[in-house]
N, C-alpha and C. Protein backbone atom coordinates (compact mmCIF):
# COMPACT_ATOMS: atom_id res chain seq x y z
N MET A 1 72.88 -96.81 14.80
CA MET A 1 71.78 -95.90 15.01
C MET A 1 72.29 -94.65 15.69
N SER A 2 71.96 -93.48 15.15
CA SER A 2 72.40 -92.25 15.77
C SER A 2 71.20 -91.36 16.04
N LEU A 3 71.27 -90.66 17.13
CA LEU A 3 70.22 -89.72 17.50
C LEU A 3 70.76 -88.31 17.32
N LYS A 4 69.95 -87.45 16.75
CA LYS A 4 70.35 -86.06 16.61
C LYS A 4 70.20 -85.38 17.96
N LYS A 5 71.23 -84.70 18.37
CA LYS A 5 71.20 -83.99 19.65
C LYS A 5 70.57 -82.63 19.43
N LYS A 6 69.58 -82.32 20.23
CA LYS A 6 68.94 -81.02 20.15
C LYS A 6 69.59 -80.10 21.15
N GLU A 7 69.92 -78.91 20.72
CA GLU A 7 70.55 -77.94 21.60
C GLU A 7 69.53 -77.39 22.60
N ARG A 8 68.33 -77.13 22.15
CA ARG A 8 67.32 -76.53 23.01
C ARG A 8 65.96 -77.03 22.57
N VAL A 9 65.19 -77.52 23.51
CA VAL A 9 63.85 -77.98 23.20
C VAL A 9 62.90 -76.85 23.56
N PRO A 10 62.26 -76.21 22.57
CA PRO A 10 61.36 -75.11 22.88
C PRO A 10 60.09 -75.61 23.54
N SER A 11 59.46 -74.74 24.29
CA SER A 11 58.18 -75.10 24.89
C SER A 11 57.14 -75.18 23.80
N SER A 12 56.30 -76.19 23.86
CA SER A 12 55.27 -76.34 22.84
C SER A 12 54.10 -75.42 23.17
N PRO A 13 53.35 -74.98 22.15
CA PRO A 13 52.18 -74.13 22.39
C PRO A 13 51.15 -74.83 23.27
N GLU A 14 51.01 -76.14 23.11
CA GLU A 14 50.03 -76.87 23.92
C GLU A 14 50.40 -76.82 25.40
N ALA A 15 51.66 -76.96 25.69
CA ALA A 15 52.12 -76.91 27.09
C ALA A 15 51.91 -75.53 27.67
N ALA A 16 52.14 -74.50 26.88
CA ALA A 16 51.99 -73.13 27.37
C ALA A 16 50.52 -72.78 27.62
N ASP A 17 49.60 -73.39 26.88
CA ASP A 17 48.18 -73.08 27.01
C ASP A 17 47.46 -73.90 28.07
N ALA A 18 48.03 -75.01 28.48
CA ALA A 18 47.37 -75.89 29.45
C ALA A 18 47.39 -75.24 30.83
N PRO A 19 46.33 -75.48 31.62
CA PRO A 19 46.35 -74.97 32.99
C PRO A 19 47.54 -75.55 33.76
N PHE A 20 48.09 -74.77 34.68
CA PHE A 20 49.28 -75.19 35.42
C PHE A 20 49.08 -76.54 36.09
N GLU A 21 47.95 -76.72 36.75
CA GLU A 21 47.70 -77.96 37.48
C GLU A 21 47.61 -79.16 36.55
N ALA A 22 47.03 -78.96 35.37
CA ALA A 22 46.94 -80.05 34.39
C ALA A 22 48.33 -80.41 33.88
N SER A 23 49.15 -79.40 33.63
CA SER A 23 50.52 -79.64 33.17
C SER A 23 51.32 -80.39 34.24
N LEU A 24 51.15 -79.99 35.48
CA LEU A 24 51.85 -80.64 36.58
C LEU A 24 51.41 -82.10 36.72
N GLY A 25 50.11 -82.35 36.57
CA GLY A 25 49.60 -83.72 36.63
C GLY A 25 50.16 -84.58 35.51
N ARG A 26 50.19 -84.04 34.32
CA ARG A 26 50.73 -84.78 33.17
C ARG A 26 52.22 -85.03 33.36
N LEU A 27 52.94 -84.05 33.87
CA LEU A 27 54.37 -84.21 34.11
C LEU A 27 54.61 -85.31 35.15
N THR A 28 53.78 -85.38 36.16
CA THR A 28 53.89 -86.43 37.17
C THR A 28 53.67 -87.80 36.54
N ASP A 29 52.67 -87.91 35.66
CA ASP A 29 52.42 -89.16 34.96
C ASP A 29 53.62 -89.59 34.12
N ILE A 30 54.22 -88.63 33.43
CA ILE A 30 55.37 -88.91 32.59
C ILE A 30 56.54 -89.43 33.43
N VAL A 31 56.80 -88.77 34.55
CA VAL A 31 57.90 -89.19 35.42
C VAL A 31 57.67 -90.62 35.92
N GLU A 32 56.44 -90.91 36.32
CA GLU A 32 56.14 -92.26 36.80
C GLU A 32 56.37 -93.31 35.71
N LYS A 33 55.94 -93.00 34.48
CA LYS A 33 56.13 -93.95 33.38
C LYS A 33 57.61 -94.15 33.07
N LEU A 34 58.38 -93.06 33.09
CA LEU A 34 59.81 -93.16 32.80
C LEU A 34 60.54 -93.90 33.91
N GLU A 35 60.15 -93.66 35.15
CA GLU A 35 60.79 -94.34 36.28
C GLU A 35 60.48 -95.83 36.30
N ASN A 36 59.34 -96.22 35.74
CA ASN A 36 58.94 -97.61 35.68
C ASN A 36 59.95 -98.43 34.89
N GLY A 37 60.52 -97.84 33.84
CA GLY A 37 61.56 -98.50 33.07
C GLY A 37 61.09 -99.55 32.09
N GLU A 38 59.80 -99.62 31.82
CA GLU A 38 59.29 -100.65 30.92
C GLU A 38 59.04 -100.15 29.50
N LEU A 39 59.35 -98.89 29.21
CA LEU A 39 59.11 -98.33 27.89
C LEU A 39 60.31 -98.54 26.99
N GLY A 40 60.04 -98.56 25.71
CA GLY A 40 61.12 -98.63 24.73
C GLY A 40 61.83 -97.29 24.61
N LEU A 41 62.93 -97.30 23.92
CA LEU A 41 63.74 -96.09 23.77
C LEU A 41 62.97 -94.95 23.12
N GLU A 42 62.33 -95.21 22.00
CA GLU A 42 61.62 -94.15 21.28
C GLU A 42 60.48 -93.56 22.10
N GLU A 43 59.72 -94.43 22.75
CA GLU A 43 58.61 -93.93 23.59
C GLU A 43 59.16 -93.15 24.78
N SER A 44 60.25 -93.62 25.36
CA SER A 44 60.88 -92.91 26.48
C SER A 44 61.36 -91.53 26.04
N LEU A 45 61.98 -91.46 24.88
CA LEU A 45 62.46 -90.17 24.38
C LEU A 45 61.30 -89.21 24.11
N ALA A 46 60.22 -89.73 23.52
CA ALA A 46 59.06 -88.89 23.24
C ALA A 46 58.45 -88.36 24.53
N LEU A 47 58.33 -89.22 25.53
CA LEU A 47 57.78 -88.77 26.81
C LEU A 47 58.73 -87.79 27.50
N PHE A 48 60.02 -88.05 27.42
CA PHE A 48 60.99 -87.13 28.02
C PHE A 48 60.88 -85.76 27.38
N GLU A 49 60.78 -85.72 26.06
CA GLU A 49 60.66 -84.45 25.35
C GLU A 49 59.38 -83.72 25.76
N GLU A 50 58.27 -84.45 25.85
CA GLU A 50 57.02 -83.84 26.30
C GLU A 50 57.20 -83.28 27.72
N GLY A 51 57.88 -84.04 28.57
CA GLY A 51 58.12 -83.60 29.94
C GLY A 51 58.94 -82.32 30.00
N VAL A 52 59.95 -82.22 29.13
CA VAL A 52 60.76 -81.00 29.08
C VAL A 52 59.90 -79.81 28.69
N HIS A 53 59.04 -79.99 27.68
CA HIS A 53 58.13 -78.91 27.27
C HIS A 53 57.24 -78.48 28.43
N LEU A 54 56.65 -79.45 29.10
CA LEU A 54 55.76 -79.16 30.22
C LEU A 54 56.50 -78.47 31.36
N ALA A 55 57.68 -78.95 31.68
CA ALA A 55 58.46 -78.36 32.77
C ALA A 55 58.84 -76.91 32.47
N ARG A 56 59.24 -76.66 31.23
CA ARG A 56 59.61 -75.28 30.86
C ARG A 56 58.41 -74.35 30.87
N ALA A 57 57.28 -74.83 30.38
CA ALA A 57 56.07 -74.00 30.40
C ALA A 57 55.63 -73.74 31.83
N ALA A 58 55.71 -74.75 32.69
CA ALA A 58 55.34 -74.58 34.09
C ALA A 58 56.29 -73.59 34.78
N GLN A 59 57.58 -73.68 34.49
CA GLN A 59 58.54 -72.75 35.10
C GLN A 59 58.27 -71.32 34.65
N THR A 60 57.91 -71.14 33.39
CA THR A 60 57.58 -69.81 32.88
C THR A 60 56.38 -69.25 33.64
N ARG A 61 55.37 -70.08 33.86
CA ARG A 61 54.19 -69.63 34.61
C ARG A 61 54.54 -69.31 36.06
N LEU A 62 55.36 -70.14 36.68
CA LEU A 62 55.78 -69.87 38.06
C LEU A 62 56.57 -68.58 38.16
N ASP A 63 57.45 -68.33 37.20
CA ASP A 63 58.23 -67.09 37.19
C ASP A 63 57.32 -65.87 37.07
N ALA A 64 56.31 -65.97 36.19
CA ALA A 64 55.37 -64.86 36.02
C ALA A 64 54.56 -64.64 37.29
N ALA A 65 54.14 -65.71 37.94
CA ALA A 65 53.37 -65.59 39.18
C ALA A 65 54.23 -64.95 40.27
N GLU A 66 55.48 -65.37 40.35
CA GLU A 66 56.39 -64.80 41.35
C GLU A 66 56.57 -63.30 41.12
N LYS A 67 56.70 -62.90 39.86
CA LYS A 67 56.86 -61.48 39.53
C LYS A 67 55.62 -60.69 39.96
N ARG A 68 54.46 -61.25 39.70
CA ARG A 68 53.21 -60.56 40.09
C ARG A 68 53.13 -60.42 41.60
N VAL A 69 53.49 -61.47 42.34
CA VAL A 69 53.45 -61.41 43.80
C VAL A 69 54.42 -60.34 44.29
N GLU A 70 55.62 -60.32 43.73
CA GLU A 70 56.61 -59.31 44.13
C GLU A 70 56.09 -57.90 43.88
N GLU A 71 55.40 -57.71 42.75
CA GLU A 71 54.83 -56.40 42.45
C GLU A 71 53.72 -56.04 43.43
N LEU A 72 52.93 -57.04 43.82
CA LEU A 72 51.82 -56.78 44.73
C LEU A 72 52.29 -56.44 46.15
N ILE A 73 53.40 -56.99 46.57
CA ILE A 73 53.86 -56.74 47.94
C ILE A 73 55.00 -55.72 47.98
N ALA A 74 55.27 -55.06 46.87
CA ALA A 74 56.36 -54.09 46.81
C ALA A 74 56.11 -52.94 47.77
N ALA A 75 57.21 -52.45 48.34
CA ALA A 75 57.15 -51.30 49.25
C ALA A 75 58.25 -50.33 48.86
N ASP A 76 58.02 -49.05 49.16
CA ASP A 76 59.05 -48.06 48.88
C ASP A 76 60.04 -48.01 50.05
N GLN A 77 60.93 -47.04 50.03
CA GLN A 77 61.97 -46.94 51.05
C GLN A 77 61.42 -46.70 52.45
N ASN A 78 60.20 -46.14 52.53
CA ASN A 78 59.57 -45.88 53.83
C ASN A 78 58.72 -47.05 54.30
N GLY A 79 58.65 -48.09 53.50
CA GLY A 79 57.84 -49.25 53.86
C GLY A 79 56.38 -49.12 53.44
N ASP A 80 56.06 -48.06 52.72
CA ASP A 80 54.70 -47.87 52.23
C ASP A 80 54.49 -48.69 50.96
N PRO A 81 53.28 -49.24 50.80
CA PRO A 81 53.00 -50.02 49.60
C PRO A 81 53.16 -49.19 48.33
N VAL A 82 53.68 -49.80 47.31
CA VAL A 82 53.83 -49.15 46.02
C VAL A 82 52.62 -49.53 45.18
N SER A 83 51.92 -48.54 44.69
CA SER A 83 50.75 -48.80 43.86
C SER A 83 51.08 -48.52 42.41
N ARG A 84 50.84 -49.53 41.59
CA ARG A 84 50.97 -49.35 40.14
C ARG A 84 50.15 -50.45 39.48
N GLU A 85 49.75 -50.18 38.27
CA GLU A 85 48.94 -51.13 37.53
C GLU A 85 49.81 -52.29 37.09
N LEU A 86 49.28 -53.50 37.28
CA LEU A 86 50.01 -54.70 36.90
C LEU A 86 49.87 -54.98 35.41
N ASP A 87 50.93 -55.52 34.86
CA ASP A 87 50.90 -55.99 33.48
C ASP A 87 49.96 -57.19 33.43
N PRO A 88 48.96 -57.21 32.51
CA PRO A 88 48.00 -58.32 32.47
C PRO A 88 48.62 -59.68 32.16
N GLU A 89 49.81 -59.71 31.63
CA GLU A 89 50.50 -60.96 31.32
C GLU A 89 50.88 -61.60 32.61
């Protein structure tokens, strides 16, 4: 039996559209099931892949939130707040 190695698992559209908290909750459930060790190989792989999608989508959202916060607290060389319109993304 051979498994095809994937170079990169893209984030799924479902993971990208789910609210952050829901994705985090599902990821926690997946980790608990995988740590339990009672799943078969195929089910474990499927859950692991779903977890990778969720983790990547969550990281993308966290990165975007961090960027927005940095833009909101930005200051110029004099320490004055920098005002500019935020990208809606």
